[in-house]
Amino acid sequence: MKRLVMIIAAAVILYAIYYDINYGTLPATSNFAPVTRKTDDVTTAKNKSPLPYYEKKVSPGDTVLSLVEEQLNDSIPVPLSNVVSDFKKLNNGLSPTEIQAGKIYKFPKYEKEISADPS
């Protein structure tokens, strides 16, 4: 009796595999209508950035902070948390710790602080 059950189970499994390979179990086409968007609105929204920025290719050993300081030739005039959040906004949520050498990223461009005391 056990052998008969095992043979029937194996036959069902083999048939299921054969049917899945030859005919598939998922529909080949979809009845859903494609979603259309106005590409002009989407691309202009992506290209507009309220933050001033510059693009730079990252070299090995570079960090977001070192590249921003290098651009300023001075210390960063804003809190580090602002630099991190601005970098994320400019690069679609990419964390500064995830940058890779050889790729080009957008970095926030800050102005040097102008001291109130001219002396």
PDB file of N, CA and C in Angstrom:
ATOM      1  N   MET A   1       0.812  -1.186   0.000  1.00  0.00           N
ATOM      2  CA  MET A   1       0.000   0.000   0.000  1.00  0.00           C
ATOM      3  C   MET A   1       0.870   1.271   0.000  1.00  0.00           C
ATOM      4  N   LYS A   2       1.957   1.270   0.790  1.00  0.00           N
ATOM      5  CA  LYS A   2       2.842   2.418   0.843  1.00  0.00           C
ATOM      6  C   LYS A   2       3.477   2.678  -0.520  1.00  0.00           C
ATOM      7  N   ARG A   3       3.849   1.598  -1.208  1.00  0.00           N
ATOM      8  CA  ARG A   3       4.470   1.744  -2.508  1.00  0.00           C
ATOM      9  C   ARG A   3       3.503   2.385  -3.514  1.00  0.00           C
ATOM     10  N   LEU A   4       2.260   1.994  -3.475  1.00  0.00           N
ATOM     11  CA  LEU A   4       1.262   2.534  -4.383  1.00  0.00           C
ATOM     12  C   LEU A   4       1.072   4.039  -4.143  1.00  0.00           C
ATOM     13  N   VAL A   5       1.008   4.449  -2.886  1.00  0.00           N
ATOM     14  CA  VAL A   5       0.854   5.866  -2.538  1.00  0.00           C
ATOM     15  C   VAL A   5       2.096   6.639  -2.991  1.00  0.00           C
ATOM     16  N   MET A   6       3.270   6.097  -2.795  1.00  0.00           N
ATOM     17  CA  MET A   6       4.511   6.752  -3.204  1.00  0.00           C
ATOM     18  C   MET A   6       4.581   6.885  -4.725  1.00  0.00           C
ATOM     19  N   ILE A   7       4.155   5.877  -5.454  1.00  0.00           N
ATOM     20  CA  ILE A   7       4.175   5.918  -6.912  1.00  0.00           C
ATOM     21  C   ILE A   7       3.192   6.973  -7.416  1.00  0.00           C
ATOM     22  N   ILE A   8       2.008   7.031  -6.839  1.00  0.00           N
ATOM     23  CA  ILE A   8       1.007   8.029  -7.244  1.00  0.00           C
ATOM     24  C   ILE A   8       1.505   9.439  -6.913  1.00  0.00           C
ATOM     25  N   ALA A   9       2.102   9.626  -5.736  1.00  0.00           N
ATOM     26  CA  ALA A   9       2.624  10.939  -5.347  1.00  0.00           C
ATOM     27  C   ALA A   9       3.744  11.373  -6.292  1.00  0.00           C
ATOM     28  N   ALA A  10       4.647  10.459  -6.636  1.00  0.00           N
ATOM     29  CA  ALA A  10       5.738  10.774  -7.551  1.00  0.00           C
ATOM     30  C   ALA A  10       5.188  11.127  -8.933  1.00  0.00           C
ATOM     31  N   ALA A  11       4.147  10.388  -9.389  1.00  0.00           N
ATOM     32  CA  ALA A  11       3.553  10.662 -10.695  1.00  0.00           C
ATOM     33  C   ALA A  11       2.915  12.057 -10.710  1.00  0.00           C
ATOM     34  N   VAL A  12       2.232  12.438  -9.647  1.00  0.00           N
ATOM     35  CA  VAL A  12       1.600  13.758  -9.560  1.00  0.00           C
ATOM     36  C   VAL A  12       2.659  14.859  -9.563  1.00  0.00           C
ATOM     37  N   ILE A  13       3.722  14.661  -8.808  1.00  0.00           N
ATOM     38  CA  ILE A  13       4.798  15.653  -8.748  1.00  0.00           C
ATOM     39  C   ILE A  13       5.475  15.788 -10.110  1.00  0.00           C
ATOM     40  N   LEU A  14       5.783  14.682 -10.763  1.00  0.00           N
ATOM     41  CA  LEU A  14       6.411  14.730 -12.080  1.00  0.00           C
ATOM     42  C   LEU A  14       5.503  15.402 -13.111  1.00  0.00           C
ATOM     43  N   TYR A  15       4.210  15.106 -13.053  1.00  0.00           N
ATOM     44  CA  TYR A  15       3.278  15.743 -13.980  1.00  0.00           C
ATOM     45  C   TYR A  15       3.204  17.246 -13.721  1.00  0.00           C
ATOM     46  N   ALA A  16       3.196  17.653 -12.451  1.00  0.00           N
ATOM     47  CA  ALA A  16       3.153  19.079 -12.121  1.00  0.00           C
ATOM     48  C   ALA A  16       4.401  19.793 -12.645  1.00  0.00           C
ATOM     49  N   ILE A  17       5.547  19.164 -12.511  1.00  0.00           N
ATOM     50  CA  ILE A  17       6.792  19.749 -13.016  1.00  0.00           C
ATOM     51  C   ILE A  17       6.750  19.834 -14.539  1.00  0.00           C
ATOM     52  N   TYR A  18       6.303  18.758 -15.202  1.00  0.00           N
ATOM     53  CA  TYR A  18       6.197  18.747 -16.659  1.00  0.00           C
ATOM     54  C   TYR A  18       5.248  19.838 -17.151  1.00  0.00           C
ATOM     55  N   TYR A  19       4.099  19.965 -16.517  1.00  0.00           N
ATOM     56  CA  TYR A  19       3.109  20.968 -16.921  1.00  0.00           C
ATOM     57  C   TYR A  19       3.645  22.388 -16.702  1.00  0.00           C
ATOM     58  N   ASP A  20       4.317  22.601 -15.586  1.00  0.00           N
ATOM     59  CA  ASP A  20       4.853  23.926 -15.274  1.00  0.00           C
ATOM     60  C   ASP A  20       5.939  24.328 -16.275  1.00  0.00           C
ATOM     61  N   ILE A  21       6.789  23.404 -16.664  1.00  0.00           N
ATOM     62  CA  ILE A  21       7.861  23.706 -17.608  1.00  0.00           C
ATOM     63  C   ILE A  21       7.304  23.966 -19.008  1.00  0.00           C
ATOM     64  N   ASN A  22       6.365  23.168 -19.456  1.00  0.00           N
ATOM     65  CA  ASN A  22       5.855  23.279 -20.821  1.00  0.00           C
ATOM     66  C   ASN A  22       4.797  24.362 -21.006  1.00  0.00           C
ATOM     67  N   TYR A  23       3.927  24.547 -20.045  1.00  0.00           N
ATOM     68  CA  TYR A  23       2.822  25.479 -20.214  1.00  0.00           C
ATOM     69  C   TYR A  23       2.880  26.664 -19.246  1.00  0.00           C
ATOM     70  N   GLY A  24       3.523  26.492 -18.143  1.00  0.00           N
ATOM     71  CA  GLY A  24       3.616  27.555 -17.145  1.00  0.00           C
ATOM     72  C   GLY A  24       2.331  27.675 -16.339  1.00  0.00           C
ATOM     73  N   THR A  25       2.449  28.296 -15.204  1.00  0.00           N
ATOM     74  CA  THR A  25       1.274  28.478 -14.357  1.00  0.00           C
ATOM     75  C   THR A  25       0.900  29.938 -14.208  1.00  0.00           C
ATOM     76  N   LEU A  26       1.747  30.834 -14.722  1.00  0.00           N
ATOM     77  CA  LEU A  26       1.439  32.251 -14.682  1.00  0.00           C
ATOM     78  C   LEU A  26       0.940  32.696 -16.051  1.00  0.00           C
ATOM     79  N   PRO A  27       0.017  33.642 -16.072  1.00  0.00           N
ATOM     80  CA  PRO A  27      -0.462  34.105 -17.374  1.00  0.00           C
ATOM     81  C   PRO A  27       0.644  34.825 -18.142  1.00  0.00           C
ATOM     82  N   ALA A  28       0.664  34.635 -19.459  1.00  0.00           N
ATOM     83  CA  ALA A  28       1.700  35.227 -20.287  1.00  0.00           C
ATOM     84  C   ALA A  28       1.465  36.712 -20.504  1.00  0.00           C
ATOM     85  N   THR A  29       0.225  37.133 -20.522  1.00  0.00           N
ATOM     86  CA  THR A  29      -0.088  38.548 -20.721  1.00  0.00           C
ATOM     87  C   THR A  29      -0.905  39.051 -19.552  1.00  0.00           C
ATOM     88  N   SER A  30      -0.878  40.344 -19.420  1.00  0.00           N
ATOM     89  CA  SER A  30      -1.603  40.974 -18.329  1.00  0.00           C
ATOM     90  C   SER A  30      -2.761  41.765 -18.904  1.00  0.00           C
ATOM     91  N   ASN A  31      -3.869  41.799 -18.185  1.00  0.00           N
ATOM     92  CA  ASN A  31      -5.032  42.563 -18.610  1.00  0.00           C
ATOM     93  C   ASN A  31      -5.006  43.976 -18.063  1.00  0.00           C
ATOM     94  N   PHE A  32      -3.959  44.329 -17.346  1.00  0.00           N
ATOM     95  CA  PHE A  32      -3.871  45.649 -16.752  1.00  0.00           C
ATOM     96  C   PHE A  32      -3.430  46.670 -17.793  1.00  0.00           C
ATOM     97  N   ALA A  33      -4.025  47.839 -17.736  1.00  0.00           N
ATOM     98  CA  ALA A  33      -3.636  48.919 -18.644  1.00  0.00           C
ATOM     99  C   ALA A  33      -2.340  49.539 -18.132  1.00  0.00           C
ATOM    100  N   PRO A  34      -1.447  49.906 -19.015  1.00  0.00           N
ATOM    101  CA  PRO A  34      -0.200  50.521 -18.565  1.00  0.00           C
ATOM    102  C   PRO A  34      -0.458  51.898 -17.951  1.00  0.00           C
ATOM    103  N   VAL A  35       0.339  52.221 -16.958  1.00  0.00           N
ATOM    104  CA  VAL A  35       0.230  53.513 -16.306  1.00  0.00           C
ATOM    105  C   VAL A  35       1.023  54.519 -17.108  1.00  0.00           C
ATOM    106  N   THR A  36       0.397  55.628 -17.447  1.00  0.00           N
ATOM    107  CA  THR A  36       1.099  56.653 -18.202  1.00  0.00           C
ATOM    108  C   THR A  36       1.289  57.876 -17.332  1.00  0.00           C
ATOM    109  N   ARG A  37       2.449  58.503 -17.500  1.00  0.00           N
ATOM    110  CA  ARG A  37       2.759  59.713 -16.756  1.00  0.00           C
ATOM    111  C   ARG A  37       3.220  60.774 -17.734  1.00  0.00           C
ATOM    112  N   LYS A  38       3.079  61.978 -17.330  1.00  0.00           N
ATOM    113  CA  LYS A  38       3.642  63.061 -18.120  1.00  0.00           C
ATOM    114  C   LYS A  38       5.131  63.115 -17.806  1.00  0.00           C
ATOM    115  N   THR A  39       5.946  62.745 -18.766  1.00  0.00           N
ATOM    116  CA  THR A  39       7.382  62.676 -18.514  1.00  0.00           C
ATOM    117  C   THR A  39       7.990  64.053 -18.325  1.00  0.00           C
ATOM    118  N   ASP A  40       7.411  65.068 -18.948  1.00  0.00           N
ATOM    119  CA  ASP A  40       7.953  66.416 -18.798  1.00  0.00           C
ATOM    120  C   ASP A  40       7.865  66.876 -17.347  1.00  0.00           C
ATOM    121  N   ASP A  41       6.719  66.620 -16.704  1.00  0.00           N
ATOM    122  CA  ASP A  41       6.549  67.029 -15.318  1.00  0.00           C
ATOM    123  C   ASP A  41       7.481  66.263 -14.397  1.00  0.00           C
ATOM    124  N   VAL A  42       7.634  64.979 -14.646  1.00  0.00           N
ATOM    125  CA  VAL A  42       8.468  64.140 -13.790  1.00  0.00           C
ATOM    126  C   VAL A  42       9.937  64.527 -13.930  1.00  0.00           C
ATOM    127  N   THR A  43      10.412  64.698 -15.162  1.00  0.00           N
ATOM    128  CA  THR A  43      11.827  65.008 -15.346  1.00  0.00           C
ATOM    129  C   THR A  43      12.161  66.402 -14.853  1.00  0.00           C
ATOM    130  N   THR A  44      11.282  67.356 -15.042  1.00  0.00           N
ATOM    131  CA  THR A  44      11.587  68.692 -14.549  1.00  0.00           C
ATOM    132  C   THR A  44      11.544  68.730 -13.035  1.00  0.00           C
ATOM    133  N   ALA A  45      10.663  67.955 -12.438  1.00  0.00           N
ATOM    134  CA  ALA A  45      10.622  67.912 -10.978  1.00  0.00           C
ATOM    135  C   ALA A  45      11.897  67.285 -10.421  1.00  0.00           C
ATOM    136  N   LYS A  46      12.434  66.284 -11.117  1.00  0.00           N
ATOM    137  CA  LYS A  46      13.662  65.648 -10.651  1.00  0.00           C
ATOM    138  C   LYS A  46      14.869  66.546 -10.869  1.00  0.00           C
ATOM    139  N   ASN A  47      14.879  67.304 -11.956  1.00  0.00           N
ATOM    140  CA  ASN A  47      16.033  68.148 -12.264  1.00  0.00           C
ATOM    141  C   ASN A  47      16.079  69.408 -11.420  1.00  0.00           C
ATOM    142  N   LYS A  48      14.939  69.868 -10.948  1.00  0.00           N
ATOM    143  CA  LYS A  48      14.925  71.053 -10.113  1.00  0.00           C
ATOM    144  C   LYS A  48      15.355  70.669  -8.710  1.00  0.00           C
ATOM    145  N   SER A  49      16.218  71.448  -8.151  1.00  0.00           N
ATOM    146  CA  SER A  49      16.670  71.200  -6.797  1.00  0.00           C
ATOM    147  C   SER A  49      16.737  72.531  -6.075  1.00  0.00           C
ATOM    148  N   PRO A  50      16.105  72.629  -4.910  1.00  0.00           N
ATOM    149  CA  PRO A  50      16.151  73.888  -4.183  1.00  0.00           C
ATOM    150  C   PRO A  50      17.533  74.163  -3.597  1.00  0.00           C
ATOM    151  N   LEU A  51      18.362  73.133  -3.522  1.00  0.00           N
ATOM    152  CA  LEU A  51      19.689  73.275  -2.949  1.00  0.00           C
ATOM    153  C   LEU A  51      20.719  73.518  -4.034  1.00  0.00           C
ATOM    154  N   PRO A  52      21.633  74.450  -3.815  1.00  0.00           N
ATOM    155  CA  PRO A  52      22.736  74.566  -4.765  1.00  0.00           C
ATOM    156  C   PRO A  52      23.677  73.369  -4.576  1.00  0.00           C
ATOM    157  N   TYR A  53      24.163  72.834  -5.684  1.00  0.00           N
ATOM    158  CA  TYR A  53      25.037  71.665  -5.588  1.00  0.00           C
ATOM    159  C   TYR A  53      26.067  71.686  -6.707  1.00  0.00           C
ATOM    160  N   TYR A  54      27.043  70.819  -6.561  1.00  0.00           N
ATOM    161  CA  TYR A  54      28.020  70.570  -7.610  1.00  0.00           C
ATOM    162  C   TYR A  54      28.211  69.072  -7.708  1.00  0.00           C
ATOM    163  N   GLU A  55      28.616  68.598  -8.869  1.00  0.00           N
ATOM    164  CA  GLU A  55      28.832  67.170  -9.068  1.00  0.00           C
ATOM    165  C   GLU A  55      30.323  66.888  -9.061  1.00  0.00           C
ATOM    166  N   LYS A  56      30.680  65.758  -8.474  1.00  0.00           N
ATOM    167  CA  LYS A  56      32.093  65.397  -8.374  1.00  0.00           C
ATOM    168  C   LYS A  56      32.215  63.882  -8.417  1.00  0.00           C
ATOM    169  N   LYS A  57      33.260  63.420  -9.093  1.00  0.00           N
ATOM    170  CA  LYS A  57      33.570  61.994  -9.124  1.00  0.00           C
ATOM    171  C   LYS A  57      34.355  61.660  -7.865  1.00  0.00           C
ATOM    172  N   VAL A  58      33.920  60.633  -7.164  1.00  0.00           N
ATOM    173  CA  VAL A  58      34.522  60.249  -5.891  1.00  0.00           C
ATOM    174  C   VAL A  58      35.765  59.402  -6.135  1.00  0.00           C
ATOM    175  N   SER A  59      36.840  59.740  -5.456  1.00  0.00           N
ATOM    176  CA  SER A  59      38.081  58.970  -5.507  1.00  0.00           C
ATOM    177  C   SER A  59      38.166  58.088  -4.270  1.00  0.00           C
ATOM    178  N   PRO A  60      38.995  57.053  -4.298  1.00  0.00           N
ATOM    179  CA  PRO A  60      39.153  56.211  -3.109  1.00  0.00           C
ATOM    180  C   PRO A  60      39.613  57.050  -1.914  1.00  0.00           C
ATOM    181  N   GLY A  61      38.984  56.857  -0.777  1.00  0.00           N
ATOM    182  CA  GLY A  61      39.336  57.571   0.440  1.00  0.00           C
ATOM    183  C   GLY A  61      38.546  58.850   0.658  1.00  0.00           C
ATOM    184  N   ASP A  62      37.805  59.300  -0.354  1.00  0.00           N
ATOM    185  CA  ASP A  62      37.001  60.512  -0.201  1.00  0.00           C
ATOM    186  C   ASP A  62      35.767  60.237   0.651  1.00  0.00           C
ATOM    187  N   THR A  63      35.367  61.247   1.397  1.00  0.00           N
ATOM    188  CA  THR A  63      34.109  61.207   2.137  1.00  0.00           C
ATOM    189  C   THR A  63      33.307  62.430   1.741  1.00  0.00           C
ATOM    190  N   VAL A  64      32.035  62.414   2.061  1.00  0.00           N
ATOM    191  CA  VAL A  64      31.185  63.552   1.742  1.00  0.00           C
ATOM    192  C   VAL A  64      31.713  64.802   2.442  1.00  0.00           C
ATOM    193  N   LEU A  65      32.071  64.669   3.705  1.00  0.00           N
ATOM    194  CA  LEU A  65      32.552  65.824   4.456  1.00  0.00           C
ATOM    195  C   LEU A  65      33.867  66.353   3.897  1.00  0.00           C
ATOM    196  N   SER A  66      34.769  65.455   3.531  1.00  0.00           N
ATOM    197  CA  SER A  66      36.048  65.924   2.999  1.00  0.00           C
ATOM    198  C   SER A  66      35.871  66.632   1.659  1.00  0.00           C
ATOM    199  N   LEU A  67      34.955  66.164   0.835  1.00  0.00           N
ATOM    200  CA  LEU A  67      34.727  66.800  -0.460  1.00  0.00           C
ATOM    201  C   LEU A  67      34.045  68.155  -0.317  1.00  0.00           C
ATOM    202  N   VAL A  68      33.132  68.288   0.645  1.00  0.00           N
ATOM    203  CA  VAL A  68      32.481  69.582   0.876  1.00  0.00           C
ATOM    204  C   VAL A  68      33.492  70.573   1.436  1.00  0.00           C
ATOM    205  N   GLU A  69      34.334  70.132   2.370  1.00  0.00           N
ATOM    206  CA  GLU A  69      35.373  71.006   2.912  1.00  0.00           C
ATOM    207  C   GLU A  69      36.375  71.401   1.835  1.00  0.00           C
ATOM    208  N   GLU A  70      36.702  70.462   0.952  1.00  0.00           N
ATOM    209  CA  GLU A  70      37.644  70.751  -0.133  1.00  0.00           C
ATOM    210  C   GLU A  70      37.075  71.820  -1.069  1.00  0.00           C
ATOM    211  N   GLN A  71      35.786  71.747  -1.338  1.00  0.00           N
ATOM    212  CA  GLN A  71      35.154  72.731  -2.214  1.00  0.00           C
ATOM    213  C   GLN A  71      35.176  74.116  -1.567  1.00  0.00           C
ATOM    214  N   LEU A  72      35.022  74.179  -0.246  1.00  0.00           N
ATOM    215  CA  LEU A  72      35.008  75.453   0.464  1.00  0.00           C
ATOM    216  C   LEU A  72      36.410  75.982   0.763  1.00  0.00           C
ATOM    217  N   ASN A  73      37.384  75.097   0.809  1.00  0.00           N
ATOM    218  CA  ASN A  73      38.725  75.436   1.292  1.00  0.00           C
ATOM    219  C   ASN A  73      38.665  75.961   2.714  1.00  0.00           C
ATOM    220  N   ASP A  74      37.748  75.442   3.483  1.00  0.00           N
ATOM    221  CA  ASP A  74      37.520  75.912   4.849  1.00  0.00           C
ATOM    222  C   ASP A  74      36.666  74.870   5.564  1.00  0.00           C
ATOM    223  N   SER A  75      36.365  75.135   6.831  1.00  0.00           N
ATOM    224  CA  SER A  75      35.476  74.236   7.563  1.00  0.00           C
ATOM    225  C   SER A  75      34.031  74.450   7.096  1.00  0.00           C
ATOM    226  N   ILE A  76      33.194  73.488   7.376  1.00  0.00           N
ATOM    227  CA  ILE A  76      31.807  73.524   6.915  1.00  0.00           C
ATOM    228  C   ILE A  76      31.007  74.482   7.797  1.00  0.00           C
ATOM    229  N   PRO A  77      30.287  75.458   7.194  1.00  0.00           N
ATOM    230  CA  PRO A  77      29.570  76.465   7.973  1.00  0.00           C
ATOM    231  C   PRO A  77      28.215  76.036   8.509  1.00  0.00           C
ATOM    232  N   VAL A  78      27.809  74.796   8.283  1.00  0.00           N
ATOM    233  CA  VAL A  78      26.513  74.301   8.762  1.00  0.00           C
ATOM    234  C   VAL A  78      26.747  73.056   9.609  1.00  0.00           C
ATOM    235  N   PRO A  79      25.768  72.680  10.426  1.00  0.00           N
ATOM    236  CA  PRO A  79      25.924  71.443  11.213  1.00  0.00           C
ATOM    237  C   PRO A  79      26.072  70.213  10.306  1.00  0.00           C
ATOM    238  N   LEU A  80      26.771  69.212  10.802  1.00  0.00           N
ATOM    239  CA  LEU A  80      27.008  67.995  10.021  1.00  0.00           C
ATOM    240  C   LEU A  80      25.705  67.292   9.652  1.00  0.00           C
ATOM    241  N   SER A  81      24.710  67.371  10.536  1.00  0.00           N
ATOM    242  CA  SER A  81      23.425  66.738  10.232  1.00  0.00           C
ATOM    243  C   SER A  81      22.789  67.371   8.995  1.00  0.00           C
ATOM    244  N   ASN A  82      23.007  68.673   8.792  1.00  0.00           N
ATOM    245  CA  ASN A  82      22.479  69.338   7.601  1.00  0.00           C
ATOM    246  C   ASN A  82      23.193  68.855   6.340  1.00  0.00           C
ATOM    247  N   VAL A  83      24.491  68.654   6.440  1.00  0.00           N
ATOM    248  CA  VAL A  83      25.249  68.159   5.293  1.00  0.00           C
ATOM    249  C   VAL A  83      24.739  66.776   4.903  1.00  0.00           C
ATOM    250  N   VAL A  84      24.524  65.919   5.891  1.00  0.00           N
ATOM    251  CA  VAL A  84      24.041  64.557   5.626  1.00  0.00           C
ATOM    252  C   VAL A  84      22.653  64.600   5.000  1.00  0.00           C
ATOM    253  N   SER A  85      21.735  65.382   5.560  1.00  0.00           N
ATOM    254  CA  SER A  85      20.372  65.428   5.019  1.00  0.00           C
ATOM    255  C   SER A  85      20.351  66.063   3.630  1.00  0.00           C
ATOM    256  N   ASP A  86      21.172  67.089   3.404  1.00  0.00           N
ATOM    257  CA  ASP A  86      21.227  67.713   2.072  1.00  0.00           C
ATOM    258  C   ASP A  86      21.787  66.741   1.037  1.00  0.00           C
ATOM    259  N   PHE A  87      22.815  65.975   1.419  1.00  0.00           N
ATOM    260  CA  PHE A  87      23.378  64.985   0.499  1.00  0.00           C
ATOM    261  C   PHE A  87      22.321  63.940   0.143  1.00  0.00           C
ATOM    262  N   LYS A  88      21.561  63.491   1.129  1.00  0.00           N
ATOM    263  CA  LYS A  88      20.508  62.501   0.876  1.00  0.00           C
ATOM    264  C   LYS A  88      19.448  63.063  -0.068  1.00  0.00           C
ATOM    265  N   LYS A  89      19.054  64.317   0.125  1.00  0.00           N
ATOM    266  CA  LYS A  89      18.049  64.935  -0.745  1.00  0.00           C
ATOM    267  C   LYS A  89      18.548  65.018  -2.190  1.00  0.00           C
ATOM    268  N   LEU A  90      19.793  65.370  -2.363  1.00  0.00           N
ATOM    269  CA  LEU A  90      20.342  65.534  -3.706  1.00  0.00           C
ATOM    270  C   LEU A  90      20.569  64.213  -4.430  1.00  0.00           C
ATOM    271  N   ASN A  91      20.752  63.128  -3.674  1.00  0.00           N
ATOM    272  CA  ASN A  91      21.090  61.829  -4.268  1.00  0.00           C
ATOM    273  C   ASN A  91      20.031  60.768  -4.014  1.00  0.00           C
ATOM    274  N   ASN A  92      18.773  61.171  -4.024  1.00  0.00           N
ATOM    275  CA  ASN A  92      17.638  60.244  -3.915  1.00  0.00           C
ATOM    276  C   ASN A  92      17.709  59.331  -2.697  1.00  0.00           C
ATOM    277  N   GLY A  93      18.057  59.902  -1.543  1.00  0.00           N
ATOM    278  CA  GLY A  93      18.046  59.146  -0.300  1.00  0.00           C
ATOM    279  C   GLY A  93      19.290  58.314  -0.035  1.00  0.00           C
ATOM    280  N   LEU A  94      20.297  58.424  -0.860  1.00  0.00           N
ATOM    281  CA  LEU A  94      21.532  57.662  -0.662  1.00  0.00           C
ATOM    282  C   LEU A  94      22.268  58.180   0.560  1.00  0.00           C
ATOM    283  N   SER A  95      22.650  57.285   1.438  1.00  0.00           N
ATOM    284  CA  SER A  95      23.384  57.655   2.634  1.00  0.00           C
ATOM    285  C   SER A  95      24.832  57.989   2.278  1.00  0.00           C
ATOM    286  N   PRO A  96      25.435  58.970   2.956  1.00  0.00           N
ATOM    287  CA  PRO A  96      26.838  59.303   2.679  1.00  0.00           C
ATOM    288  C   PRO A  96      27.795  58.137   2.899  1.00  0.00           C
ATOM    289  N   THR A  97      27.409  57.174   3.720  1.00  0.00           N
ATOM    290  CA  THR A  97      28.282  56.025   3.966  1.00  0.00           C
ATOM    291  C   THR A  97      28.248  55.022   2.817  1.00  0.00           C
ATOM    292  N   GLU A  98      27.336  55.205   1.859  1.00  0.00           N
ATOM    293  CA  GLU A  98      27.185  54.254   0.762  1.00  0.00           C
ATOM    294  C   GLU A  98      27.815  54.732  -0.546  1.00  0.00           C
ATOM    295  N   ILE A  99      28.579  55.831  -0.514  1.00  0.00           N
ATOM    296  CA  ILE A  99      29.182  56.310  -1.757  1.00  0.00           C
ATOM    297  C   ILE A  99      30.270  55.348  -2.207  1.00  0.00           C
ATOM    298  N   GLN A 100      30.470  55.280  -3.520  1.00  0.00           N
ATOM    299  CA  GLN A 100      31.452  54.359  -4.092  1.00  0.00           C
ATOM    300  C   GLN A 100      32.441  55.133  -4.944  1.00  0.00           C
ATOM    301  N   ALA A 101      33.696  54.740  -4.856  1.00  0.00           N
ATOM    302  CA  ALA A 101      34.752  55.381  -5.645  1.00  0.00           C
ATOM    303  C   ALA A 101      34.481  55.170  -7.127  1.00  0.00           C
ATOM    304  N   GLY A 102      34.729  56.210  -7.917  1.00  0.00           N
ATOM    305  CA  GLY A 102      34.550  56.123  -9.354  1.00  0.00           C
ATOM    306  C   GLY A 102      33.189  56.584  -9.841  1.00  0.00           C
ATOM    307  N   LYS A 103      32.250  56.811  -8.943  1.00  0.00           N
ATOM    308  CA  LYS A 103      30.918  57.268  -9.334  1.00  0.00           C
ATOM    309  C   LYS A 103      30.787  58.762  -9.087  1.00  0.00           C
ATOM    310  N   ILE A 104      29.880  59.382  -9.818  1.00  0.00           N
ATOM    311  CA  ILE A 104      29.647  60.820  -9.689  1.00  0.00           C
ATOM    312  C   ILE A 104      28.410  61.045  -8.833  1.00  0.00           C
ATOM    313  N   TYR A 105      28.535  61.933  -7.848  1.00  0.00           N
ATOM    314  CA  TYR A 105      27.436  62.266  -6.950  1.00  0.00           C
ATOM    315  C   TYR A 105      27.251  63.771  -6.900  1.00  0.00           C
ATOM    316  N   LYS A 106      26.086  64.176  -6.421  1.00  0.00           N
ATOM    317  CA  LYS A 106      25.804  65.593  -6.204  1.00  0.00           C
ATOM    318  C   LYS A 106      26.123  65.922  -4.749  1.00  0.00           C
ATOM    319  N   PHE A 107      26.883  66.985  -4.542  1.00  0.00           N
ATOM    320  CA  PHE A 107      27.260  67.412  -3.204  1.00  0.00           C
ATOM    321  C   PHE A 107      26.692  68.794  -2.948  1.00  0.00           C
ATOM    322  N   PRO A 108      26.186  69.037  -1.719  1.00  0.00           N
ATOM    323  CA  PRO A 108      25.647  70.363  -1.423  1.00  0.00           C
ATOM    324  C   PRO A 108      26.748  71.410  -1.478  1.00  0.00           C
ATOM    325  N   LYS A 109      26.405  72.559  -2.033  1.00  0.00           N
ATOM    326  CA  LYS A 109      27.373  73.640  -2.168  1.00  0.00           C
ATOM    327  C   LYS A 109      26.994  74.722  -1.158  1.00  0.00           C
ATOM    328  N   TYR A 110      27.893  74.973  -0.230  1.00  0.00           N
ATOM    329  CA  TYR A 110      27.663  75.975   0.796  1.00  0.00           C
ATOM    330  C   TYR A 110      28.576  77.170   0.565  1.00  0.00           C
ATOM    331  N   GLU A 111      28.119  78.304   1.035  1.00  0.00           N
ATOM    332  CA  GLU A 111      28.923  79.522   0.965  1.00  0.00           C
ATOM    333  C   GLU A 111      29.702  79.649   2.264  1.00  0.00           C
ATOM    334  N   LYS A 112      30.863  80.253   2.177  1.00  0.00           N
ATOM    335  CA  LYS A 112      31.665  80.500   3.376  1.00  0.00           C
ATOM    336  C   LYS A 112      30.929  81.514   4.237  1.00  0.00           C
ATOM    337  N   GLU A 113      31.067  81.358   5.548  1.00  0.00           N
ATOM    338  CA  GLU A 113      30.477  82.343   6.456  1.00  0.00           C
ATOM    339  C   GLU A 113      31.259  83.633   6.354  1.00  0.00           C
ATOM    340  N   ILE A 114      30.542  84.711   6.284  1.00  0.00           N
ATOM    341  CA  ILE A 114      31.204  86.012   6.268  1.00  0.00           C
ATOM    342  C   ILE A 114      31.173  86.557   7.678  1.00  0.00           C
ATOM    343  N   SER A 115      32.336  86.810   8.218  1.00  0.00           N
ATOM    344  CA  SER A 115      32.387  87.277   9.610  1.00  0.00           C
ATOM    345  C   SER A 115      31.905  88.712   9.685  1.00  0.00           C
ATOM    346  N   ALA A 116      31.219  89.018  10.781  1.00  0.00           N
ATOM    347  CA  ALA A 116      30.667  90.356  10.981  1.00  0.00           C
ATOM    348  C   ALA A 116      31.756  91.357  11.363  1.00  0.00           C
ATOM    349  N   ASP A 117      32.851  90.868  11.915  1.00  0.00           N
ATOM    350  CA  ASP A 117      33.943  91.738  12.363  1.00  0.00           C
ATOM    351  C   ASP A 117      35.015  91.780  11.273  1.00  0.00           C
ATOM    352  N   PRO A 118      35.178  92.900  10.547  1.00  0.00           N
ATOM    353  CA  PRO A 118      36.152  92.947   9.459  1.00  0.00           C
ATOM    354  C   PRO A 118      37.598  92.980   9.918  1.00  0.00           C
ATOM    355  N   SER A 119      37.884  93.205  11.183  1.00  0.00           N
ATOM    356  CA  SER A 119      39.272  93.290  11.644  1.00  0.00           C
ATOM    357  C   SER A 119      39.886  91.990  11.917  1.00  0.00           C
TER     358      SER A 119
END
